[in-house]
């Protein structure tokens, strides 16, 4: 019985494609480098079955017990070198920072961002935009109205919004999201929105939706098999639309700024960027373009809004779980600040306990457990291995923040991790919630400022009351993919008397 020639051709093509998919993970690095050992990958899917996609960090830490502090993993056809523990992370990101400074391959961002902005760019573009952004944020902080003053003003607004709850049970998600978002709006747009402003609510909705989807296990699947998953139905289509909408929102603000720009008196980040664009308009291939401006502004929102609001919300939940800590912070606030003025950053050095609590919140919640992927800029000799240029690097921040030698009982929330025996604040090199090295978060100083001023302002004016017994509070995150999300809870903000 003869077979239809078209069927024979189709079967032949199918066999060829299958063969290519089978050899691709090995062919990709054939003849180049000496990668660390790791679990044996399956064809096409790599080591994906050895990971719990709902808790990737824990899966990677378990693999480190078998394969050591540096091991290779295959996520689909992508090879990833995982760094576990302080020594491996420090050696790569700090000691050899230049060689590990590239951003790794993140397919979901490459679809829309395509290497623009600051978070996912590399090479000269990344260096120029990062240098400019750091300098601009610093200069804005020393302007007519410093960034600290903007944060203090927002902290007062936050307290007033919390007063409106009248001590009744409330979900703090929205209010705690508004405050840091408004700070970023002030820095980038020089705008302060009322919390019920429709334009502001739309921006908040975009940022919240983006973060929620990017934290899901489905995006981990997408990043492992982008060429296949991209054409399937799923939430990746929604997050791509959200990112485009966020770009459109920012672009409208940029157009407004172009019409009202005074080059002798820059008001905010967008003005500074537009002035830089004008200065470089004669330069061939300048990185200061509208596309880079929009993408960088979006990156600053992503880095400075959801992360700070989630840390605040998670922090209040942990304080509800440990009410004795609230009392200790109240005592320190009364002694150092009192009730007749607002908190300022000078207070932080005089408040070691409160400072330790904030550090412990960041350590304990481990917001970005797997960091954001790095890549090596060239062929790199690392320990006894040779990592080929472009190799994706995954530095596990969770393995540093939860190091049991540096932080005894790391799974216990304990401000004592950052206090010495005399009660003074104790710094730790293992404190890396903002990552480390060349790719440290650009907005680290702003985020630290916000966390201190917002938290002390809240506790200067309120005590916190849980709606359930503190012993019954569950502080487990509801997702642990790209970032951790705080579980839902309600609490009461009870105004303190004579305040």
Protein backbone atom coordinates (compact mmCIF):
# COMPACT_ATOMS: atom_id res chain seq x y z
CA UNK A 1 0.00 0.00 0.00
CA UNK A 2 1.64 3.28 -1.14
CA UNK A 3 1.54 6.37 1.04
CA UNK A 4 0.50 9.80 -0.20
CA UNK A 5 3.71 11.77 -1.04
CA UNK A 6 2.44 14.84 0.89
CA UNK A 7 2.03 12.69 4.01
CA UNK A 8 5.57 11.35 3.60
CA UNK A 9 6.93 14.89 3.29
CA UNK A 10 4.94 16.03 6.35
CA UNK A 11 6.22 13.10 8.44
CA UNK A 12 9.76 13.79 7.28
CA UNK A 13 9.51 17.44 8.31
CA UNK A 14 8.03 16.45 11.66
CA UNK A 15 10.93 14.07 12.31
CA UNK A 16 13.47 16.75 11.36
CA UNK A 17 11.87 19.33 13.65
CA UNK A 18 11.70 16.82 16.51
CA UNK A 19 15.37 15.98 16.05
CA UNK A 20 16.37 19.65 16.04
CA UNK A 21 14.39 20.26 19.22
CA UNK A 22 16.04 17.27 20.85
CA UNK A 23 19.60 18.40 20.13
CA UNK A 24 19.10 22.16 20.56
CA UNK A 25 19.83 22.35 24.31
CA UNK A 26 23.15 20.59 23.80
CA UNK A 27 24.06 22.12 20.45
CA UNK A 28 23.61 25.61 21.83
CA UNK A 29 26.73 25.41 23.96
CA UNK A 30 28.65 22.75 22.06
CA UNK A 31 32.38 23.31 22.03
CA UNK A 32 32.23 26.48 24.14
CA UNK A 33 32.96 26.78 27.81
CA UNK A 34 32.99 24.44 30.74
CA UNK A 35 29.71 24.87 32.57
CA UNK A 36 29.10 23.82 36.18
CA UNK A 37 27.39 20.46 36.75
CA UNK A 38 23.65 20.25 37.30
CA UNK A 39 20.63 17.99 36.93
CA UNK A 40 20.40 16.15 33.60
CA UNK A 41 17.93 18.00 31.35
CA UNK A 42 15.20 16.28 29.38
CA UNK A 43 14.95 17.05 25.66
CA UNK A 44 13.01 20.23 24.86
CA UNK A 45 11.68 20.87 28.39
CA UNK A 46 15.05 20.82 30.18
CA UNK A 47 14.72 20.66 33.98
CA UNK A 48 11.29 22.25 34.16
CA UNK A 49 9.74 19.14 35.77
CA UNK A 50 12.21 19.40 38.65
CA UNK A 51 10.87 22.81 39.62
CA UNK A 52 7.75 23.77 41.52
CA UNK A 53 6.59 26.64 39.33
CA UNK A 54 4.61 28.06 42.26
CA UNK A 55 7.74 28.20 44.40
CA UNK A 56 10.79 28.34 42.15
CA UNK A 57 13.17 29.76 44.80
CA UNK A 58 12.60 26.82 47.15
CA UNK A 59 13.11 24.37 44.28
CA UNK A 60 16.42 25.99 43.35
CA UNK A 61 17.64 25.96 46.97
CA UNK A 62 16.88 22.22 47.16
CA UNK A 63 18.88 21.61 43.97
CA UNK A 64 21.81 23.55 45.47
CA UNK A 65 22.01 20.95 48.25
CA UNK A 66 22.75 18.30 45.61
CA UNK A 67 24.82 20.30 43.11
CA UNK A 68 26.56 22.95 45.20
CA UNK A 69 26.64 26.74 45.20
CA UNK A 70 27.15 27.04 41.43
CA UNK A 71 25.18 24.77 39.11
CA UNK A 72 23.65 24.70 35.64
CA UNK A 73 19.94 24.43 34.96
CA UNK A 74 18.05 24.17 31.67
CA UNK A 75 14.79 26.11 31.53
CA UNK A 76 13.40 24.88 28.25
CA UNK A 77 16.31 25.37 25.86
CA UNK A 78 17.80 28.22 27.91
CA UNK A 79 20.90 27.40 29.98
CA UNK A 80 21.04 29.15 33.33
CA UNK A 81 23.91 29.16 35.82
CA UNK A 82 22.47 29.44 39.33
CA UNK A 83 24.45 31.10 42.14
CA UNK A 84 23.48 30.01 45.66
CA UNK A 85 24.79 31.55 48.86
CA UNK A 86 26.55 34.78 49.80
CA UNK A 87 30.04 33.79 48.64
CA UNK A 88 28.97 32.82 45.11
CA UNK A 89 26.68 35.84 44.70
CA UNK A 90 29.29 38.29 46.05
CA UNK A 91 32.08 36.79 43.97
CA UNK A 92 30.04 37.24 40.78
CA UNK A 93 28.12 40.49 41.30
CA UNK A 94 30.69 42.43 43.34
CA UNK A 95 34.17 40.95 42.89
CA UNK A 96 33.63 40.40 39.14
CA UNK A 97 30.86 42.98 38.78
CA UNK A 98 31.81 44.22 35.30
CA UNK A 99 31.77 40.73 33.83
CA UNK A 100 28.35 39.88 35.32
CA UNK A 101 26.71 43.25 34.58
CA UNK A 102 24.56 42.37 31.56
CA UNK A 103 20.83 41.79 31.88
CA UNK A 104 19.82 38.22 31.07
CA UNK A 105 17.33 37.02 28.49
CA UNK A 106 13.73 37.80 29.64
CA UNK A 107 11.41 36.97 26.71
CA UNK A 108 8.24 38.56 28.12
CA UNK A 109 10.00 41.95 28.30
CA UNK A 110 11.78 41.56 24.99
CA UNK A 111 8.42 41.38 23.22
CA UNK A 112 7.55 44.97 24.18
CA UNK A 113 10.66 46.61 25.65
CA UNK A 114 13.16 45.22 23.13
CA UNK A 115 16.25 46.33 25.05
CA UNK A 116 15.25 49.94 25.70
CA UNK A 117 15.09 51.72 29.04
CA UNK A 118 17.27 50.87 32.03
CA UNK A 119 16.01 47.58 33.49
CA UNK A 120 16.56 45.28 30.49
CA UNK A 121 19.10 47.18 28.37
CA UNK A 122 22.79 46.31 28.04
CA UNK A 123 26.08 47.77 26.84
CA UNK A 124 26.57 51.49 26.27
CA UNK A 125 22.82 52.17 26.30
CA UNK A 126 22.49 50.76 29.80
CA UNK A 127 25.61 52.55 31.06
CA UNK A 128 24.53 55.96 29.71
CA UNK A 129 20.89 55.75 30.84
CA UNK A 130 21.83 54.42 34.29
CA UNK A 131 24.52 57.08 34.81
CA UNK A 132 22.11 59.81 33.75
CA UNK A 133 19.28 58.47 35.94
CA UNK A 134 21.43 58.21 39.06
CA UNK A 135 22.76 61.73 38.55
CA UNK A 136 19.30 63.17 37.83
CA UNK A 137 17.68 61.55 40.87
CA UNK A 138 20.52 62.85 43.02
CA UNK A 139 20.24 66.37 41.58
CA UNK A 140 16.46 66.39 41.99
CA UNK A 141 17.08 65.47 45.62
CA UNK A 142 19.06 68.68 46.09
CA UNK A 143 16.70 71.00 44.19
CA UNK A 144 14.29 73.67 45.34
CA UNK A 145 12.03 71.00 46.72
CA UNK A 146 14.02 67.95 47.72
CA UNK A 147 12.83 64.39 47.24
CA UNK A 148 12.74 64.03 51.04
CA UNK A 149 10.27 66.91 51.23
CA UNK A 150 8.12 65.27 48.55
CA UNK A 151 8.09 62.01 50.52
CA UNK A 152 7.28 63.85 53.77
CA UNK A 153 4.39 65.63 52.07
CA UNK A 154 3.09 62.32 50.75
CA UNK A 155 3.45 60.76 54.20
CA UNK A 156 1.17 63.48 55.64
CA UNK A 157 -1.38 62.74 52.92
CA UNK A 158 -1.13 59.04 53.69
CA UNK A 159 -1.84 59.66 57.39
CA UNK A 160 -4.89 61.79 56.51
CA UNK A 161 -6.25 59.04 54.25
CA UNK A 162 -5.79 56.50 57.04
CA UNK A 163 -7.69 58.78 59.44
CA UNK A 164 -10.68 58.57 57.10
CA UNK A 165 -10.96 54.84 57.89
CA UNK A 166 -12.09 55.93 61.41
CA UNK A 167 -10.50 52.92 63.05
CA UNK A 168 -12.74 50.49 61.15
CA UNK A 169 -11.37 47.31 59.52
CA UNK A 170 -9.92 48.05 56.08
CA UNK A 171 -7.80 46.48 53.36
CA UNK A 172 -4.65 48.71 53.22
CA UNK A 173 -3.62 47.65 49.70
CA UNK A 174 -4.98 50.64 47.81
CA UNK A 175 -3.88 53.39 50.23
CA UNK A 176 -0.38 51.93 50.67
CA UNK A 177 -0.08 51.67 46.89
CA UNK A 178 -1.09 55.30 46.32
CA UNK A 179 1.63 56.86 48.47
CA UNK A 180 4.77 55.46 46.74
CA UNK A 181 3.11 55.80 43.33
CA UNK A 182 2.49 59.49 43.99
CA UNK A 183 6.14 59.96 44.99
CA UNK A 184 7.28 58.52 41.65
CA UNK A 185 4.71 60.71 39.86
CA UNK A 186 6.22 63.71 41.64
CA UNK A 187 9.76 62.77 40.63
CA UNK A 188 8.95 61.90 37.00
CA UNK A 189 5.94 64.15 36.19
CA UNK A 190 6.08 66.75 39.00
CA UNK A 191 2.45 65.87 39.65
CA UNK A 192 0.63 65.00 42.84
CA UNK A 193 -2.68 63.21 42.39
CA UNK A 194 -5.60 62.97 44.73
CA UNK A 195 -6.20 59.32 45.56
CA UNK A 196 -9.62 59.39 43.84
CA UNK A 197 -8.35 61.06 40.65
CA UNK A 198 -9.50 58.90 37.71
CA UNK A 199 -6.22 59.30 35.82
CA UNK A 200 -4.28 58.24 38.92
CA UNK A 201 -6.61 55.26 39.51
CA UNK A 202 -6.03 54.15 35.91
CA UNK A 203 -2.23 54.30 36.41
CA UNK A 204 -2.53 52.34 39.66
CA UNK A 205 -4.63 49.70 37.94
CA UNK A 206 -2.02 49.26 35.20
CA UNK A 207 0.86 48.91 37.66
CA UNK A 208 -1.00 46.47 39.91
CA UNK A 209 -2.15 44.32 36.99
CA UNK A 210 1.33 44.21 35.50
CA UNK A 211 2.97 43.12 38.75
CA UNK A 212 0.36 40.47 39.51
CA UNK A 213 0.73 38.76 36.13
CA UNK A 214 4.54 39.01 36.07
CA UNK A 215 4.60 37.27 39.47
CA UNK A 216 2.57 34.30 38.19
CA UNK A 217 3.88 30.84 37.35
CA UNK A 218 2.51 31.20 33.80
CA UNK A 219 5.09 33.89 33.01
CA UNK A 220 7.82 31.48 34.15
CA UNK A 221 6.49 29.02 31.59
CA UNK A 222 6.38 31.76 28.94
CA UNK A 223 10.00 32.75 29.61
CA UNK A 224 11.08 29.11 29.28
CA UNK A 225 9.21 28.40 26.03
CA UNK A 226 8.49 31.79 24.42
CA UNK A 227 8.46 30.60 20.81
CA UNK A 228 5.65 28.16 21.62
CA UNK A 229 3.71 29.79 24.45
CA UNK A 230 3.54 33.19 22.73
CA UNK A 231 0.96 31.80 20.29
CA UNK A 232 -1.15 30.12 22.99
CA UNK A 233 -3.95 31.83 24.93
CA UNK A 234 -2.86 33.07 28.35
CA UNK A 235 -2.21 36.02 30.64
CA UNK A 236 0.97 36.95 28.74
CA UNK A 237 -1.23 38.64 26.11
CA UNK A 238 -2.86 40.71 28.86
CA UNK A 239 0.42 41.86 30.43
CA UNK A 240 1.78 42.86 27.01
CA UNK A 241 -1.30 45.06 26.51
CA UNK A 242 -0.88 46.52 30.01
CA UNK A 243 2.76 47.46 29.32
CA UNK A 244 1.76 49.12 26.02
CA UNK A 245 -0.98 51.06 27.87
CA UNK A 246 1.55 52.18 30.49
CA UNK A 247 3.85 53.44 27.71
CA UNK A 248 0.95 55.39 26.18
CA UNK A 249 0.17 56.95 29.57
CA UNK A 250 3.78 58.10 30.02
CA UNK A 251 4.03 59.29 26.39
CA UNK A 252 1.08 61.64 26.95
CA UNK A 253 2.95 63.18 29.89
CA UNK A 254 6.09 63.51 27.77
CA UNK A 255 4.13 65.38 25.07
CA UNK A 256 2.76 67.80 27.68
CA UNK A 257 6.29 68.41 28.97
CA UNK A 258 7.59 69.10 25.47
CA UNK A 259 5.06 71.93 25.12
CA UNK A 260 5.88 73.57 28.47
CA UNK A 261 9.62 72.84 28.79
CA UNK A 262 11.86 75.56 30.23
CA UNK A 263 15.45 74.39 29.66
CA UNK A 264 16.72 76.80 32.34
CA UNK A 265 14.40 75.38 35.01
CA UNK A 266 13.83 71.60 34.81
CA UNK A 267 10.92 70.48 36.97
CA UNK A 268 11.36 66.71 37.03
CA UNK A 269 12.96 63.64 35.46
CA UNK A 270 11.17 64.05 32.11
CA UNK A 271 12.36 67.66 31.77
CA UNK A 272 15.94 66.64 32.52
CA UNK A 273 15.75 63.87 29.92
CA UNK A 274 14.28 66.19 27.27
CA UNK A 275 17.07 68.72 27.92
CA UNK A 276 19.64 65.94 27.49
CA UNK A 277 17.92 64.95 24.21
CA UNK A 278 18.28 68.53 22.96
CA UNK A 279 21.96 68.60 23.94
CA UNK A 280 22.63 65.41 22.00
CA UNK A 281 20.43 66.00 18.95
CA UNK A 282 23.48 66.42 16.70
CA UNK A 283 25.06 63.23 17.98
CA UNK A 284 24.69 60.14 15.83
CA UNK A 285 22.97 57.23 17.57
CA UNK A 286 22.29 59.10 20.82
CA UNK A 287 20.66 56.94 23.48
CA UNK A 288 18.54 59.88 24.63
CA UNK A 289 15.41 59.22 22.59
CA UNK A 290 11.68 59.32 23.31
CA UNK A 291 11.59 55.52 23.25
CA UNK A 292 14.30 55.29 25.93
CA UNK A 293 12.61 58.01 27.98
CA UNK A 294 9.25 56.24 28.01
CA UNK A 295 10.77 52.83 28.78
CA UNK A 296 13.02 54.22 31.53
CA UNK A 297 10.13 56.09 33.17
CA UNK A 298 8.14 52.84 33.10
CA UNK A 299 11.09 51.01 34.70
CA UNK A 300 11.25 53.63 37.48
CA UNK A 301 7.54 53.15 38.18
CA UNK A 302 8.00 49.37 38.30
CA UNK A 303 11.00 49.65 40.63
CA UNK A 304 9.57 52.35 42.88
CA UNK A 305 5.86 51.68 43.23
CA UNK A 306 4.82 48.04 43.61
CA UNK A 307 7.98 46.97 45.42
CA UNK A 308 7.68 49.71 48.05
CA UNK A 309 3.92 49.34 48.51
CA UNK A 310 4.20 45.54 48.84
CA UNK A 311 7.01 45.94 51.40
CA UNK A 312 4.89 48.39 53.43
CA UNK A 313 1.80 46.18 53.29
CA UNK A 314 3.77 43.07 54.17
CA UNK A 315 5.53 45.01 56.93
CA UNK A 316 2.26 46.02 58.59
CA UNK A 317 1.09 42.38 58.44
CA UNK A 318 4.27 41.26 60.21
CA UNK A 319 3.80 43.97 62.86
CA UNK A 320 0.22 42.74 63.44
CA UNK A 321 1.67 39.27 63.95
CA UNK A 322 4.16 40.68 66.48
CA UNK A 323 2.34 43.46 68.40
CA UNK A 324 5.15 43.77 70.94
CA UNK A 325 7.32 45.21 68.16
CA UNK A 326 4.75 47.97 67.55
CA UNK A 327 5.06 49.02 71.20
CA UNK A 328 8.86 49.19 70.93
CA UNK A 329 8.65 51.38 67.80
CA UNK A 330 6.11 53.67 69.51
CA UNK A 331 8.52 54.13 72.43
CA UNK A 332 11.40 55.03 70.08
CA UNK A 333 9.22 57.47 68.09
CA UNK A 334 8.10 59.20 71.29
CA UNK A 335 11.69 59.53 72.50
CA UNK A 336 13.30 60.70 69.24
CA UNK A 337 10.57 62.48 67.24
CA UNK A 338 7.69 63.21 69.58
CA UNK A 339 4.35 64.44 68.29
CA UNK A 340 5.09 68.04 67.32
CA UNK A 341 6.89 67.45 64.02
CA UNK A 342 7.04 65.02 61.10
CA UNK A 343 9.74 62.33 60.86
CA UNK A 344 12.81 63.18 58.78
CA UNK A 345 15.76 61.12 57.52
CA UNK A 346 18.08 62.54 60.20
CA UNK A 347 15.97 60.63 62.73
CA UNK A 348 16.90 57.24 61.27
CA UNK A 349 20.40 57.13 62.79
CA UNK A 350 18.87 57.87 66.21
CA UNK A 351 16.29 55.09 65.85
CA UNK A 352 18.25 51.81 65.65
CA UNK A 353 15.29 49.62 66.60
CA UNK A 354 12.94 51.04 63.95
CA UNK A 355 15.75 50.86 61.39
CA UNK A 356 16.37 47.21 62.33
CA UNK A 357 12.64 46.41 61.99
CA UNK A 358 12.54 47.87 58.47
CA UNK A 359 15.65 45.91 57.47
CA UNK A 360 14.18 42.73 58.94
CA UNK A 361 10.92 43.29 57.03
CA UNK A 362 12.87 43.50 53.77
CA UNK A 363 15.01 40.48 54.64
CA UNK A 364 12.13 38.33 55.82
CA UNK A 365 9.69 38.98 52.96
CA UNK A 366 12.45 38.34 50.40
CA UNK A 367 10.50 40.26 47.75
CA UNK A 368 12.57 39.25 44.68
CA UNK A 369 13.93 35.86 45.74
CA UNK A 370 15.47 34.92 42.37
CA UNK A 371 16.67 38.45 41.61
CA UNK A 372 16.37 39.63 38.00
CA UNK A 373 18.52 37.49 35.70
CA UNK A 374 22.02 38.67 34.81
CA UNK A 375 24.26 37.57 31.94
CA UNK A 376 28.04 37.54 31.47
CA UNK A 377 29.41 40.24 29.18
CA UNK A 378 32.15 38.01 27.74
CA UNK A 379 33.63 34.55 28.15
CA UNK A 380 34.32 34.44 31.90
CA UNK A 381 36.53 32.20 34.02
CA UNK A 382 34.51 31.71 37.22
CA UNK A 383 36.01 29.37 39.79
CA UNK A 384 36.90 26.21 37.85
CA UNK A 385 34.35 26.89 35.11
CA UNK A 386 34.37 28.80 31.83
CA UNK A 387 31.07 30.58 31.22
CA UNK A 388 30.51 31.51 27.55
CA UNK A 389 29.54 35.09 26.70
CA UNK A 390 25.80 35.64 27.13
CA UNK A 391 25.31 32.83 29.66
CA UNK A 392 22.28 33.63 31.82
CA UNK A 393 23.10 34.02 35.52
CA UNK A 394 20.53 33.63 38.30
CA UNK A 395 21.85 34.98 41.63
CA UNK A 396 19.54 33.68 44.37
CA UNK A 397 19.01 36.59 46.76
CA UNK A 398 16.86 34.33 48.95
CA UNK A 399 19.92 32.17 49.68
CA UNK A 400 21.73 35.27 50.98
CA UNK A 401 18.87 36.85 52.92
CA UNK A 402 18.09 33.50 54.56
CA UNK A 403 21.67 32.48 55.35
CA UNK A 404 21.41 30.71 58.71
CA UNK A 405 24.92 31.62 59.87
CA UNK A 406 24.48 35.35 59.30
CA UNK A 407 20.84 35.33 60.44
CA UNK A 408 20.20 32.71 63.16
CA UNK A 409 16.72 31.23 62.73
CA UNK A 410 16.25 32.97 59.34
CA UNK A 411 12.64 31.79 59.04
CA UNK A 412 11.78 33.70 62.22
CA UNK A 413 10.91 37.41 61.99
CA UNK A 414 13.39 38.98 64.41
CA UNK A 415 14.66 42.61 64.34
CA UNK A 416 17.54 41.33 66.47
CA UNK A 417 19.14 40.14 63.24
CA UNK A 418 20.16 43.78 62.73
CA UNK A 419 20.95 44.80 66.32
CA UNK A 420 24.11 44.20 68.36
CA UNK A 421 24.13 43.26 72.03
CA UNK A 422 23.97 46.90 73.12
CA UNK A 423 20.93 47.61 70.94
CA UNK A 424 22.80 49.55 68.26
CA UNK A 425 21.99 49.03 64.59
CA UNK A 426 24.19 46.35 63.00
CA UNK A 427 24.89 46.45 59.27
CA UNK A 428 25.16 43.24 57.30
CA UNK A 429 26.85 42.59 53.95
CA UNK A 430 24.22 39.88 53.46
CA UNK A 431 21.44 42.47 53.25
CA UNK A 432 20.79 42.45 49.49
CA UNK A 433 17.08 43.11 48.87
CA UNK A 434 18.08 45.64 46.19
CA UNK A 435 20.54 43.17 44.63
CA UNK A 436 24.27 44.02 44.58
CA UNK A 437 27.00 45.26 42.28
CA UNK A 438 26.57 47.11 38.99
CA UNK A 439 22.87 46.24 38.61
CA UNK A 440 21.74 47.37 42.05
CA UNK A 441 18.34 49.06 42.02
CA UNK A 442 18.65 52.67 40.81
CA UNK A 443 15.92 53.73 43.24
CA UNK A 444 17.42 52.11 46.34
CA UNK A 445 17.94 55.38 48.25
CA UNK A 446 14.44 56.60 47.41
CA UNK A 447 12.90 53.27 48.46
CA UNK A 448 14.78 53.28 51.79
CA UNK A 449 13.63 56.85 52.40
CA UNK A 450 10.00 56.00 51.66
CA UNK A 451 9.97 52.91 53.86
CA UNK A 452 11.37 54.82 56.84
CA UNK A 453 9.26 57.97 56.48
CA UNK A 454 5.99 56.19 55.66
CA UNK A 455 6.28 53.58 58.40
CA UNK A 456 7.33 56.03 61.13
CA UNK A 457 4.60 58.49 60.07
CA UNK A 458 1.97 55.75 60.31
CA UNK A 459 3.14 54.58 63.74
CA UNK A 460 3.58 58.15 65.01
CA UNK A 461 -0.17 58.59 64.53
CA UNK A 462 -1.74 55.14 64.88
CA UNK A 463 -1.53 51.84 66.60
CA UNK A 464 -2.41 48.77 64.54
CA UNK A 465 -5.09 46.29 65.50
CA UNK A 466 -5.64 42.95 63.81
CA UNK A 467 -9.14 41.70 63.01
CA UNK A 468 -8.08 38.21 64.11
CA UNK A 469 -5.89 36.78 66.86
CA UNK A 470 -2.23 37.59 66.02
CA UNK A 471 -1.35 33.93 66.55
CA UNK A 472 -3.71 32.99 63.69
CA UNK A 473 -2.19 35.44 61.17
CA UNK A 474 -0.65 33.63 58.20
CA UNK A 475 2.21 35.59 56.65
CA UNK A 476 2.90 33.11 53.81
CA UNK A 477 3.08 34.77 50.37
CA UNK A 478 0.40 33.88 47.82
CA UNK A 479 2.92 33.59 44.97
CA UNK A 480 6.63 33.01 44.72
CA UNK A 481 7.58 33.22 41.08
CA UNK A 482 9.18 36.44 39.87
CA UNK A 483 8.25 38.22 43.11
CA UNK A 484 6.29 37.48 46.26
CA UNK A 485 2.81 38.87 46.79
CA UNK A 486 1.44 39.72 50.22
CA UNK A 487 -1.66 37.73 51.30
CA UNK A 488 -4.94 39.58 51.72
CA UNK A 489 -5.72 40.89 55.20
CA UNK A 490 -7.62 43.65 56.97
CA UNK A 491 -6.61 45.76 59.95
CA UNK A 492 -7.72 48.77 61.98
CA UNK A 493 -5.70 52.00 62.19
CA UNK A 494 -6.53 53.26 65.68
CA UNK A 495 -5.59 56.94 66.18
CA UNK A 496 -3.28 57.47 69.13
CA UNK A 497 -4.57 59.99 71.67
CA UNK A 498 -3.07 63.47 71.81
CA UNK A 499 -1.54 63.09 68.39
